[in-house]
């Protein structure tokens, strides 16, 4: 493993952002995704241009608040699943108001 050259420049946009106009950062304020390495206080790179699919990590507005969960779609039913065994899935009724803000594509967190 080698480190980047001190005289070279690294543009994180080139590595983390596929759709500049539709990408935003959001700070995580939960431990519901801790088992996949996303911790409270991390920054998420979220892309609104991506079509959210089954299994994607999505930022969604559901039940009156924003949440980061794994999207689960089966037989017309939608669930938002945490990646923490201490958290419970969000079961959404067929007529539930769900707004997906975007698909999480990267996470940035400090090592200390």
PDB file of N, CA and C in Angstrom:
ATOM      1  N   UNK A   1       0.852  -1.176   0.000  1.00  0.00           N
ATOM      2  CA  UNK A   1       0.000   0.000   0.000  1.00  0.00           C
ATOM      3  C   UNK A   1       0.891   1.230   0.000  1.00  0.00           C
ATOM      4  N   UNK A   2       0.588   2.169  -0.852  1.00  0.00           N
ATOM      5  CA  UNK A   2       1.407   3.381  -0.904  1.00  0.00           C
ATOM      6  C   UNK A   2       0.535   4.604  -0.668  1.00  0.00           C
ATOM      7  N   UNK A   3       1.131   5.625  -0.142  1.00  0.00           N
ATOM      8  CA  UNK A   3       0.433   6.883   0.129  1.00  0.00           C
ATOM      9  C   UNK A   3       0.536   7.783  -1.097  1.00  0.00           C
ATOM     10  N   UNK A   4      -0.371   8.742  -1.185  1.00  0.00           N
ATOM     11  CA  UNK A   4      -0.330   9.709  -2.277  1.00  0.00           C
ATOM     12  C   UNK A   4       0.928  10.544  -2.170  1.00  0.00           C
ATOM     13  N   UNK A   5       1.426  10.932  -3.287  1.00  0.00           N
ATOM     14  CA  UNK A   5       2.612  11.765  -3.330  1.00  0.00           C
ATOM     15  C   UNK A   5       2.322  13.117  -2.698  1.00  0.00           C
ATOM     16  N   UNK A   6       3.269  13.621  -1.930  1.00  0.00           N
ATOM     17  CA  UNK A   6       3.089  14.905  -1.260  1.00  0.00           C
ATOM     18  C   UNK A   6       2.999  16.053  -2.263  1.00  0.00           C
ATOM     19  N   UNK A   7       3.595  15.888  -3.435  1.00  0.00           N
ATOM     20  CA  UNK A   7       3.556  16.972  -4.409  1.00  0.00           C
ATOM     21  C   UNK A   7       2.364  16.853  -5.364  1.00  0.00           C
ATOM     22  N   UNK A   8       1.627  15.770  -5.296  1.00  0.00           N
ATOM     23  CA  UNK A   8       0.452  15.594  -6.146  1.00  0.00           C
ATOM     24  C   UNK A   8      -0.795  16.143  -5.469  1.00  0.00           C
ATOM     25  N   UNK A   9      -1.808  16.396  -6.256  1.00  0.00           N
ATOM     26  CA  UNK A   9      -3.068  16.882  -5.710  1.00  0.00           C
ATOM     27  C   UNK A   9      -4.113  15.798  -5.865  1.00  0.00           C
ATOM     28  N   UNK A  10      -4.951  15.698  -4.879  1.00  0.00           N
ATOM     29  CA  UNK A  10      -6.020  14.718  -4.892  1.00  0.00           C
ATOM     30  C   UNK A  10      -7.339  15.463  -4.780  1.00  0.00           C
ATOM     31  N   UNK A  11      -8.186  15.329  -5.791  1.00  0.00           N
ATOM     32  CA  UNK A  11      -9.490  15.965  -5.785  1.00  0.00           C
ATOM     33  C   UNK A  11     -10.514  14.918  -5.384  1.00  0.00           C
ATOM     34  N   UNK A  12     -11.070  15.043  -4.198  1.00  0.00           N
ATOM     35  CA  UNK A  12     -12.037  14.062  -3.719  1.00  0.00           C
ATOM     36  C   UNK A  12     -13.286  14.008  -4.596  1.00  0.00           C
ATOM     37  N   UNK A  13     -13.628  15.094  -5.247  1.00  0.00           N
ATOM     38  CA  UNK A  13     -14.772  15.082  -6.160  1.00  0.00           C
ATOM     39  C   UNK A  13     -14.579  14.048  -7.270  1.00  0.00           C
ATOM     40  N   UNK A  14     -13.348  13.893  -7.747  1.00  0.00           N
ATOM     41  CA  UNK A  14     -13.073  12.922  -8.804  1.00  0.00           C
ATOM     42  C   UNK A  14     -13.294  11.493  -8.319  1.00  0.00           C
ATOM     43  N   UNK A  15     -13.109  11.254  -7.043  1.00  0.00           N
ATOM     44  CA  UNK A  15     -13.205   9.904  -6.486  1.00  0.00           C
ATOM     45  C   UNK A  15     -14.559   9.594  -5.860  1.00  0.00           C
ATOM     46  N   UNK A  16     -15.261  10.613  -5.398  1.00  0.00           N
ATOM     47  CA  UNK A  16     -16.482  10.379  -4.631  1.00  0.00           C
ATOM     48  C   UNK A  16     -17.765  10.856  -5.295  1.00  0.00           C
ATOM     49  N   UNK A  17     -17.657  11.710  -6.312  1.00  0.00           N
ATOM     50  CA  UNK A  17     -18.848  12.337  -6.880  1.00  0.00           C
ATOM     51  C   UNK A  17     -18.979  11.989  -8.359  1.00  0.00           C
ATOM     52  N   UNK A  18     -20.044  11.267  -8.693  1.00  0.00           N
ATOM     53  CA  UNK A  18     -20.302  10.913 -10.096  1.00  0.00           C
ATOM     54  C   UNK A  18     -21.180  11.953 -10.781  1.00  0.00           C
ATOM     55  N   UNK A  19     -22.131  12.508 -10.051  1.00  0.00           N
ATOM     56  CA  UNK A  19     -23.079  13.477 -10.605  1.00  0.00           C
ATOM     57  C   UNK A  19     -23.040  14.746  -9.747  1.00  0.00           C
ATOM     58  N   UNK A  20     -22.160  15.653 -10.105  1.00  0.00           N
ATOM     59  CA  UNK A  20     -21.895  16.841  -9.284  1.00  0.00           C
ATOM     60  C   UNK A  20     -23.155  17.640  -8.954  1.00  0.00           C
ATOM     61  N   UNK A  21     -24.039  17.840  -9.925  1.00  0.00           N
ATOM     62  CA  UNK A  21     -25.211  18.677  -9.711  1.00  0.00           C
ATOM     63  C   UNK A  21     -26.242  18.034  -8.790  1.00  0.00           C
ATOM     64  N   UNK A  22     -26.185  16.726  -8.637  1.00  0.00           N
ATOM     65  CA  UNK A  22     -27.211  16.048  -7.842  1.00  0.00           C
ATOM     66  C   UNK A  22     -26.648  15.379  -6.590  1.00  0.00           C
ATOM     67  N   UNK A  23     -25.441  15.716  -6.222  1.00  0.00           N
ATOM     68  CA  UNK A  23     -24.803  15.091  -5.062  1.00  0.00           C
ATOM     69  C   UNK A  23     -24.726  16.078  -3.905  1.00  0.00           C
ATOM     70  N   UNK A  24     -24.993  15.573  -2.706  1.00  0.00           N
ATOM     71  CA  UNK A  24     -24.884  16.400  -1.509  1.00  0.00           C
ATOM     72  C   UNK A  24     -24.274  15.578  -0.384  1.00  0.00           C
ATOM     73  N   UNK A  25     -23.815  16.279   0.641  1.00  0.00           N
ATOM     74  CA  UNK A  25     -23.273  15.651   1.845  1.00  0.00           C
ATOM     75  C   UNK A  25     -24.275  15.805   2.968  1.00  0.00           C
ATOM     76  N   UNK A  26     -24.357  14.784   3.792  1.00  0.00           N
ATOM     77  CA  UNK A  26     -25.231  14.843   4.956  1.00  0.00           C
ATOM     78  C   UNK A  26     -24.514  14.178   6.119  1.00  0.00           C
ATOM     79  N   UNK A  27     -24.660  14.751   7.316  1.00  0.00           N
ATOM     80  CA  UNK A  27     -24.014  14.195   8.501  1.00  0.00           C
ATOM     81  C   UNK A  27     -24.929  13.154   9.145  1.00  0.00           C
ATOM     82  N   UNK A  28     -24.362  12.003   9.466  1.00  0.00           N
ATOM     83  CA  UNK A  28     -25.105  10.916  10.110  1.00  0.00           C
ATOM     84  C   UNK A  28     -25.279  11.244  11.589  1.00  0.00           C
ATOM     85  N   UNK A  29     -26.487  11.083  12.082  1.00  0.00           N
ATOM     86  CA  UNK A  29     -26.786  11.303  13.505  1.00  0.00           C
ATOM     87  C   UNK A  29     -27.527  10.085  14.044  1.00  0.00           C
ATOM     88  N   UNK A  30     -26.890   8.922  13.917  1.00  0.00           N
ATOM     89  CA  UNK A  30     -27.508   7.674  14.342  1.00  0.00           C
ATOM     90  C   UNK A  30     -26.460   6.573  14.310  1.00  0.00           C
ATOM     91  N   UNK A  31     -26.741   5.493  14.995  1.00  0.00           N
ATOM     92  CA  UNK A  31     -25.864   4.328  14.914  1.00  0.00           C
ATOM     93  C   UNK A  31     -26.568   3.158  14.228  1.00  0.00           C
ATOM     94  N   UNK A  32     -27.627   3.439  13.486  1.00  0.00           N
ATOM     95  CA  UNK A  32     -28.431   2.381  12.875  1.00  0.00           C
ATOM     96  C   UNK A  32     -27.705   1.642  11.745  1.00  0.00           C
ATOM     97  N   UNK A  33     -26.597   2.188  11.251  1.00  0.00           N
ATOM     98  CA  UNK A  33     -25.860   1.533  10.169  1.00  0.00           C
ATOM     99  C   UNK A  33     -24.438   1.172  10.596  1.00  0.00           C
ATOM    100  N   UNK A  34     -24.223   1.032  11.886  1.00  0.00           N
ATOM    101  CA  UNK A  34     -22.876   0.806  12.415  1.00  0.00           C
ATOM    102  C   UNK A  34     -22.245  -0.497  11.938  1.00  0.00           C
ATOM    103  N   UNK A  35     -23.030  -1.505  11.622  1.00  0.00           N
ATOM    104  CA  UNK A  35     -22.476  -2.795  11.191  1.00  0.00           C
ATOM    105  C   UNK A  35     -21.921  -2.772   9.769  1.00  0.00           C
ATOM    106  N   UNK A  36     -22.162  -1.700   9.029  1.00  0.00           N
ATOM    107  CA  UNK A  36     -21.565  -1.558   7.702  1.00  0.00           C
ATOM    108  C   UNK A  36     -20.548  -0.410   7.693  1.00  0.00           C
ATOM    109  N   UNK A  37     -20.076  -0.028   8.868  1.00  0.00           N
ATOM    110  CA  UNK A  37     -19.008   0.958   8.976  1.00  0.00           C
ATOM    111  C   UNK A  37     -19.439   2.406   8.902  1.00  0.00           C
ATOM    112  N   UNK A  38     -20.722   2.683   9.032  1.00  0.00           N
ATOM    113  CA  UNK A  38     -21.206   4.062   9.038  1.00  0.00           C
ATOM    114  C   UNK A  38     -21.554   4.413  10.472  1.00  0.00           C
ATOM    115  N   UNK A  39     -20.841   5.396  11.013  1.00  0.00           N
ATOM    116  CA  UNK A  39     -20.969   5.732  12.427  1.00  0.00           C
ATOM    117  C   UNK A  39     -21.591   7.106  12.626  1.00  0.00           C
ATOM    118  N   UNK A  40     -22.098   7.317  13.825  1.00  0.00           N
ATOM    119  CA  UNK A  40     -22.630   8.620  14.215  1.00  0.00           C
ATOM    120  C   UNK A  40     -21.552   9.676  13.999  1.00  0.00           C
ATOM    121  N   UNK A  41     -21.879  10.748  13.301  1.00  0.00           N
ATOM    122  CA  UNK A  41     -20.936  11.827  13.034  1.00  0.00           C
ATOM    123  C   UNK A  41     -20.268  11.753  11.674  1.00  0.00           C
ATOM    124  N   UNK A  42     -20.362  10.618  10.980  1.00  0.00           N
ATOM    125  CA  UNK A  42     -19.774  10.489   9.649  1.00  0.00           C
ATOM    126  C   UNK A  42     -20.486  11.378   8.644  1.00  0.00           C
ATOM    127  N   UNK A  43     -19.791  11.664   7.554  1.00  0.00           N
ATOM    128  CA  UNK A  43     -20.391  12.365   6.419  1.00  0.00           C
ATOM    129  C   UNK A  43     -20.715  11.346   5.339  1.00  0.00           C
ATOM    130  N   UNK A  44     -21.906  11.465   4.785  1.00  0.00           N
ATOM    131  CA  UNK A  44     -22.309  10.595   3.684  1.00  0.00           C
ATOM    132  C   UNK A  44     -22.331  11.393   2.396  1.00  0.00           C
ATOM    133  N   UNK A  45     -21.870  10.782   1.328  1.00  0.00           N
ATOM    134  CA  UNK A  45     -22.020  11.335  -0.004  1.00  0.00           C
ATOM    135  C   UNK A  45     -23.288  10.694  -0.566  1.00  0.00           C
ATOM    136  N   UNK A  46     -24.255  11.522  -0.936  1.00  0.00           N
ATOM    137  CA  UNK A  46     -25.558  11.042  -1.379  1.00  0.00           C
ATOM    138  C   UNK A  46     -25.832  11.576  -2.787  1.00  0.00           C
ATOM    139  N   UNK A  47     -26.232  10.658  -3.677  1.00  0.00           N
ATOM    140  CA  UNK A  47     -26.466  11.010  -5.078  1.00  0.00           C
ATOM    141  C   UNK A  47     -27.956  10.879  -5.401  1.00  0.00           C
ATOM    142  N   UNK A  48     -28.576  11.995  -5.742  1.00  0.00           N
ATOM    143  CA  UNK A  48     -30.004  12.008  -6.107  1.00  0.00           C
ATOM    144  C   UNK A  48     -30.249  11.516  -7.527  1.00  0.00           C
ATOM    145  N   UNK A  49     -29.203  11.435  -8.361  1.00  0.00           N
ATOM    146  CA  UNK A  49     -29.371  11.022  -9.756  1.00  0.00           C
ATOM    147  C   UNK A  49     -29.519   9.508  -9.899  1.00  0.00           C
ATOM    148  N   UNK A  50     -29.148   8.763  -8.887  1.00  0.00           N
ATOM    149  CA  UNK A  50     -29.225   7.305  -8.963  1.00  0.00           C
ATOM    150  C   UNK A  50     -30.633   6.818  -8.650  1.00  0.00           C
ATOM    151  N   UNK A  51     -31.071   5.830  -9.380  1.00  0.00           N
ATOM    152  CA  UNK A  51     -32.374   5.222  -9.138  1.00  0.00           C
ATOM    153  C   UNK A  51     -32.220   4.257  -7.963  1.00  0.00           C
ATOM    154  N   UNK A  52     -32.899   4.501  -6.845  1.00  0.00           N
ATOM    155  CA  UNK A  52     -32.732   3.635  -5.681  1.00  0.00           C
ATOM    156  C   UNK A  52     -33.286   2.240  -5.943  1.00  0.00           C
ATOM    157  N   UNK A  53     -32.451   1.248  -5.726  1.00  0.00           N
ATOM    158  CA  UNK A  53     -32.856  -0.125  -5.958  1.00  0.00           C
ATOM    159  C   UNK A  53     -32.856  -0.933  -4.675  1.00  0.00           C
ATOM    160  N   UNK A  54     -33.414  -2.099  -4.754  1.00  0.00           N
ATOM    161  CA  UNK A  54     -33.467  -3.004  -3.620  1.00  0.00           C
ATOM    162  C   UNK A  54     -32.049  -3.270  -3.114  1.00  0.00           C
ATOM    163  N   UNK A  55     -31.843  -3.056  -1.832  1.00  0.00           N
ATOM    164  CA  UNK A  55     -30.534  -3.285  -1.225  1.00  0.00           C
ATOM    165  C   UNK A  55     -29.659  -2.051  -1.111  1.00  0.00           C
ATOM    166  N   UNK A  56     -30.035  -0.967  -1.773  1.00  0.00           N
ATOM    167  CA  UNK A  56     -29.242   0.266  -1.696  1.00  0.00           C
ATOM    168  C   UNK A  56     -29.397   0.920  -0.322  1.00  0.00           C
ATOM    169  N   UNK A  57     -28.353   1.634   0.088  1.00  0.00           N
ATOM    170  CA  UNK A  57     -28.445   2.478   1.286  1.00  0.00           C
ATOM    171  C   UNK A  57     -29.014   3.805   0.825  1.00  0.00           C
ATOM    172  N   UNK A  58     -30.147   4.194   1.415  1.00  0.00           N
ATOM    173  CA  UNK A  58     -30.823   5.403   0.981  1.00  0.00           C
ATOM    174  C   UNK A  58     -31.047   6.361   2.147  1.00  0.00           C
ATOM    175  N   UNK A  59     -31.055   7.637   1.813  1.00  0.00           N
ATOM    176  CA  UNK A  59     -31.508   8.657   2.745  1.00  0.00           C
ATOM    177  C   UNK A  59     -32.962   8.897   2.366  1.00  0.00           C
ATOM    178  N   UNK A  60     -33.847   8.649   3.320  1.00  0.00           N
ATOM    179  CA  UNK A  60     -35.278   8.722   3.041  1.00  0.00           C
ATOM    180  C   UNK A  60     -35.981   9.538   4.110  1.00  0.00           C
ATOM    181  N   UNK A  61     -37.068  10.154   3.693  1.00  0.00           N
ATOM    182  CA  UNK A  61     -37.957  10.834   4.624  1.00  0.00           C
ATOM    183  C   UNK A  61     -39.160   9.919   4.822  1.00  0.00           C
ATOM    184  N   UNK A  62     -39.290   9.435   6.059  1.00  0.00           N
ATOM    185  CA  UNK A  62     -40.382   8.510   6.378  1.00  0.00           C
ATOM    186  C   UNK A  62     -40.796   8.737   7.820  1.00  0.00           C
ATOM    187  N   UNK A  63     -42.074   8.633   8.062  1.00  0.00           N
ATOM    188  CA  UNK A  63     -42.617   8.771   9.411  1.00  0.00           C
ATOM    189  C   UNK A  63     -42.179  10.074  10.075  1.00  0.00           C
ATOM    190  N   UNK A  64     -42.120  11.140   9.289  1.00  0.00           N
ATOM    191  CA  UNK A  64     -41.857  12.468   9.823  1.00  0.00           C
ATOM    192  C   UNK A  64     -40.406  12.830  10.056  1.00  0.00           C
ATOM    193  N   UNK A  65     -39.467  12.012   9.605  1.00  0.00           N
ATOM    194  CA  UNK A  65     -38.070  12.356   9.801  1.00  0.00           C
ATOM    195  C   UNK A  65     -37.178  11.739   8.745  1.00  0.00           C
ATOM    196  N   UNK A  66     -35.916  12.198   8.717  1.00  0.00           N
ATOM    197  CA  UNK A  66     -34.939  11.639   7.789  1.00  0.00           C
ATOM    198  C   UNK A  66     -34.288  10.415   8.419  1.00  0.00           C
ATOM    199  N   UNK A  67     -33.974   9.444   7.572  1.00  0.00           N
ATOM    200  CA  UNK A  67     -33.341   8.232   8.054  1.00  0.00           C
ATOM    201  C   UNK A  67     -32.399   7.689   6.991  1.00  0.00           C
ATOM    202  N   UNK A  68     -31.378   6.987   7.427  1.00  0.00           N
ATOM    203  CA  UNK A  68     -30.476   6.262   6.537  1.00  0.00           C
ATOM    204  C   UNK A  68     -30.696   4.790   6.799  1.00  0.00           C
ATOM    205  N   UNK A  69     -31.148   4.082   5.771  1.00  0.00           N
ATOM    206  CA  UNK A  69     -31.435   2.655   5.926  1.00  0.00           C
ATOM    207  C   UNK A  69     -31.216   1.942   4.592  1.00  0.00           C
ATOM    208  N   UNK A  70     -31.198   0.615   4.665  1.00  0.00           N
ATOM    209  CA  UNK A  70     -31.132  -0.201   3.462  1.00  0.00           C
ATOM    210  C   UNK A  70     -32.553  -0.372   2.917  1.00  0.00           C
ATOM    211  N   UNK A  71     -32.736  -0.093   1.639  1.00  0.00           N
ATOM    212  CA  UNK A  71     -34.039  -0.191   1.006  1.00  0.00           C
ATOM    213  C   UNK A  71     -34.340  -1.648   0.675  1.00  0.00           C
ATOM    214  N   UNK A  72     -35.519  -2.074   1.035  1.00  0.00           N
ATOM    215  CA  UNK A  72     -35.971  -3.441   0.785  1.00  0.00           C
ATOM    216  C   UNK A  72     -37.310  -3.366   0.072  1.00  0.00           C
ATOM    217  N   UNK A  73     -37.372  -3.871  -1.138  1.00  0.00           N
ATOM    218  CA  UNK A  73     -38.609  -3.884  -1.921  1.00  0.00           C
ATOM    219  C   UNK A  73     -38.896  -5.314  -2.361  1.00  0.00           C
ATOM    220  N   UNK A  74     -40.034  -5.840  -1.938  1.00  0.00           N
ATOM    221  CA  UNK A  74     -40.446  -7.189  -2.327  1.00  0.00           C
ATOM    222  C   UNK A  74     -41.964  -7.228  -2.467  1.00  0.00           C
ATOM    223  N   UNK A  75     -42.428  -7.731  -3.576  1.00  0.00           N
ATOM    224  CA  UNK A  75     -43.862  -7.955  -3.797  1.00  0.00           C
ATOM    225  C   UNK A  75     -44.713  -6.734  -3.468  1.00  0.00           C
ATOM    226  N   UNK A  76     -44.237  -5.555  -3.842  1.00  0.00           N
ATOM    227  CA  UNK A  76     -44.990  -4.332  -3.605  1.00  0.00           C
ATOM    228  C   UNK A  76     -44.867  -3.767  -2.203  1.00  0.00           C
ATOM    229  N   UNK A  77     -44.111  -4.427  -1.342  1.00  0.00           N
ATOM    230  CA  UNK A  77     -43.922  -3.947   0.024  1.00  0.00           C
ATOM    231  C   UNK A  77     -42.555  -3.281   0.148  1.00  0.00           C
ATOM    232  N   UNK A  78     -42.506  -2.235   0.952  1.00  0.00           N
ATOM    233  CA  UNK A  78     -41.261  -1.505   1.161  1.00  0.00           C
ATOM    234  C   UNK A  78     -40.933  -1.504   2.650  1.00  0.00           C
ATOM    235  N   UNK A  79     -39.675  -1.822   2.939  1.00  0.00           N
ATOM    236  CA  UNK A  79     -39.160  -1.749   4.306  1.00  0.00           C
ATOM    237  C   UNK A  79     -37.844  -0.990   4.270  1.00  0.00           C
ATOM    238  N   UNK A  80     -37.539  -0.317   5.352  1.00  0.00           N
ATOM    239  CA  UNK A  80     -36.253   0.342   5.521  1.00  0.00           C
ATOM    240  C   UNK A  80     -35.544  -0.395   6.644  1.00  0.00           C
ATOM    241  N   UNK A  81     -34.406  -1.012   6.311  1.00  0.00           N
ATOM    242  CA  UNK A  81     -33.731  -1.904   7.245  1.00  0.00           C
ATOM    243  C   UNK A  81     -32.457  -1.288   7.807  1.00  0.00           C
ATOM    244  N   UNK A  82     -32.302  -1.317   9.130  1.00  0.00           N
ATOM    245  CA  UNK A  82     -31.060  -0.862   9.740  1.00  0.00           C
ATOM    246  C   UNK A  82     -29.983  -1.930   9.593  1.00  0.00           C
ATOM    247  N   UNK A  83     -28.747  -1.551   9.772  1.00  0.00           N
ATOM    248  CA  UNK A  83     -27.624  -2.487   9.815  1.00  0.00           C
ATOM    249  C   UNK A  83     -27.036  -2.449  11.221  1.00  0.00           C
ATOM    250  N   UNK A  84     -27.904  -2.662  12.182  1.00  0.00           N
ATOM    251  CA  UNK A  84     -27.535  -2.704  13.593  1.00  0.00           C
ATOM    252  C   UNK A  84     -28.581  -3.599  14.267  1.00  0.00           C
ATOM    253  N   UNK A  85     -28.167  -4.697  14.885  1.00  0.00           N
ATOM    254  CA  UNK A  85     -29.148  -5.622  15.468  1.00  0.00           C
ATOM    255  C   UNK A  85     -29.960  -5.026  16.610  1.00  0.00           C
ATOM    256  N   UNK A  86     -29.536  -3.901  17.146  1.00  0.00           N
ATOM    257  CA  UNK A  86     -30.278  -3.257  18.236  1.00  0.00           C
ATOM    258  C   UNK A  86     -31.402  -2.366  17.718  1.00  0.00           C
ATOM    259  N   UNK A  87     -31.457  -2.156  16.413  1.00  0.00           N
ATOM    260  CA  UNK A  87     -32.468  -1.300  15.799  1.00  0.00           C
ATOM    261  C   UNK A  87     -33.526  -2.170  15.119  1.00  0.00           C
ATOM    262  N   UNK A  88     -34.704  -1.610  14.963  1.00  0.00           N
ATOM    263  CA  UNK A  88     -35.803  -2.328  14.319  1.00  0.00           C
ATOM    264  C   UNK A  88     -36.060  -1.795  12.917  1.00  0.00           C
ATOM    265  N   UNK A  89     -36.479  -2.663  12.000  1.00  0.00           N
ATOM    266  CA  UNK A  89     -36.831  -2.207  10.646  1.00  0.00           C
ATOM    267  C   UNK A  89     -38.014  -1.248  10.689  1.00  0.00           C
ATOM    268  N   UNK A  90     -38.083  -0.386   9.694  1.00  0.00           N
ATOM    269  CA  UNK A  90     -39.232   0.493   9.515  1.00  0.00           C
ATOM    270  C   UNK A  90     -40.142  -0.161   8.493  1.00  0.00           C
ATOM    271  N   UNK A  91     -41.295  -0.597   8.951  1.00  0.00           N
ATOM    272  CA  UNK A  91     -42.290  -1.217   8.074  1.00  0.00           C
ATOM    273  C   UNK A  91     -43.186  -0.107   7.548  1.00  0.00           C
ATOM    274  N   UNK A  92     -43.333  -0.026   6.250  1.00  0.00           N
ATOM    275  CA  UNK A  92     -44.139   1.028   5.656  1.00  0.00           C
ATOM    276  C   UNK A  92     -45.421   0.445   5.073  1.00  0.00           C
ATOM    277  N   UNK A  93     -46.514   1.054   5.428  1.00  0.00           N
ATOM    278  CA  UNK A  93     -47.803   0.646   4.861  1.00  0.00           C
ATOM    279  C   UNK A  93     -47.821   1.005   3.385  1.00  0.00           C
ATOM    280  N   UNK A  94     -48.687   0.339   2.634  1.00  0.00           N
ATOM    281  CA  UNK A  94     -48.773   0.574   1.193  1.00  0.00           C
ATOM    282  C   UNK A  94     -49.051   2.035   0.860  1.00  0.00           C
ATOM    283  N   UNK A  95     -49.764   2.735   1.732  1.00  0.00           N
ATOM    284  CA  UNK A  95     -50.109   4.125   1.475  1.00  0.00           C
ATOM    285  C   UNK A  95     -49.197   5.103   2.225  1.00  0.00           C
ATOM    286  N   UNK A  96     -48.088   4.596   2.759  1.00  0.00           N
ATOM    287  CA  UNK A  96     -47.169   5.444   3.526  1.00  0.00           C
ATOM    288  C   UNK A  96     -46.510   6.484   2.621  1.00  0.00           C
ATOM    289  N   UNK A  97     -46.259   7.635   3.204  1.00  0.00           N
ATOM    290  CA  UNK A  97     -45.604   8.716   2.484  1.00  0.00           C
ATOM    291  C   UNK A  97     -44.093   8.531   2.630  1.00  0.00           C
ATOM    292  N   UNK A  98     -43.438   8.074   1.574  1.00  0.00           N
ATOM    293  CA  UNK A  98     -42.000   7.833   1.568  1.00  0.00           C
ATOM    294  C   UNK A  98     -41.371   8.667   0.472  1.00  0.00           C
ATOM    295  N   UNK A  99     -40.365   9.451   0.847  1.00  0.00           N
ATOM    296  CA  UNK A  99     -39.631  10.254  -0.114  1.00  0.00           C
ATOM    297  C   UNK A  99     -38.155   9.899   0.007  1.00  0.00           C
ATOM    298  N   UNK A 100     -37.596   9.334  -1.046  1.00  0.00           N
ATOM    299  CA  UNK A 100     -36.174   8.983  -1.032  1.00  0.00           C
ATOM    300  C   UNK A 100     -35.388  10.165  -1.571  1.00  0.00           C
ATOM    301  N   UNK A 101     -34.508  10.698  -0.727  1.00  0.00           N
ATOM    302  CA  UNK A 101     -33.709  11.860  -1.092  1.00  0.00           C
ATOM    303  C   UNK A 101     -32.534  11.488  -1.977  1.00  0.00           C
ATOM    304  N   UNK A 102     -32.030  10.262  -1.852  1.00  0.00           N
ATOM    305  CA  UNK A 102     -30.903   9.839  -2.670  1.00  0.00           C
ATOM    306  C   UNK A 102     -30.285   8.563  -2.160  1.00  0.00           C
ATOM    307  N   UNK A 103     -29.329   8.065  -2.950  1.00  0.00           N
ATOM    308  CA  UNK A 103     -28.612   6.838  -2.634  1.00  0.00           C
ATOM    309  C   UNK A 103     -27.245   7.213  -2.065  1.00  0.00           C
ATOM    310  N   UNK A 104     -26.907   6.639  -0.911  1.00  0.00           N
ATOM    311  CA  UNK A 104     -25.591   6.868  -0.306  1.00  0.00           C
ATOM    312  C   UNK A 104     -24.547   6.113  -1.118  1.00  0.00           C
ATOM    313  N   UNK A 105     -23.497   6.813  -1.526  1.00  0.00           N
ATOM    314  CA  UNK A 105     -22.467   6.196  -2.358  1.00  0.00           C
ATOM    315  C   UNK A 105     -21.119   6.078  -1.660  1.00  0.00           C
ATOM    316  N   UNK A 106     -20.869   6.927  -0.684  1.00  0.00           N
ATOM    317  CA  UNK A 106     -19.587   6.898   0.034  1.00  0.00           C
ATOM    318  C   UNK A 106     -19.790   7.428   1.441  1.00  0.00           C
ATOM    319  N   UNK A 107     -18.877   7.075   2.307  1.00  0.00           N
ATOM    320  CA  UNK A 107     -18.883   7.592   3.672  1.00  0.00           C
ATOM    321  C   UNK A 107     -17.498   8.140   3.985  1.00  0.00           C
ATOM    322  N   UNK A 108     -17.470   9.236   4.708  1.00  0.00           N
ATOM    323  CA  UNK A 108     -16.209   9.862   5.121  1.00  0.00           C
ATOM    324  C   UNK A 108     -16.246   9.947   6.641  1.00  0.00           C
ATOM    325  N   UNK A 109     -15.252   9.343   7.283  1.00  0.00           N
ATOM    326  CA  UNK A 109     -15.187   9.483   8.739  1.00  0.00           C
ATOM    327  C   UNK A 109     -13.745   9.626   9.199  1.00  0.00           C
ATOM    328  N   UNK A 110     -13.613  10.260  10.345  1.00  0.00           N
ATOM    329  CA  UNK A 110     -12.297  10.471  10.933  1.00  0.00           C
ATOM    330  C   UNK A 110     -11.832   9.193  11.621  1.00  0.00           C
ATOM    331  N   UNK A 111     -10.544   8.995  11.652  1.00  0.00           N
ATOM    332  CA  UNK A 111      -9.987   7.828  12.320  1.00  0.00           C
ATOM    333  C   UNK A 111      -9.793   8.067  13.812  1.00  0.00           C
ATOM    334  N   UNK A 112      -9.817   9.311  14.227  1.00  0.00           N
ATOM    335  CA  UNK A 112      -9.646   9.640  15.653  1.00  0.00           C
ATOM    336  C   UNK A 112     -10.747  10.550  16.109  1.00  0.00           C
TER     337      UNK A 112
END
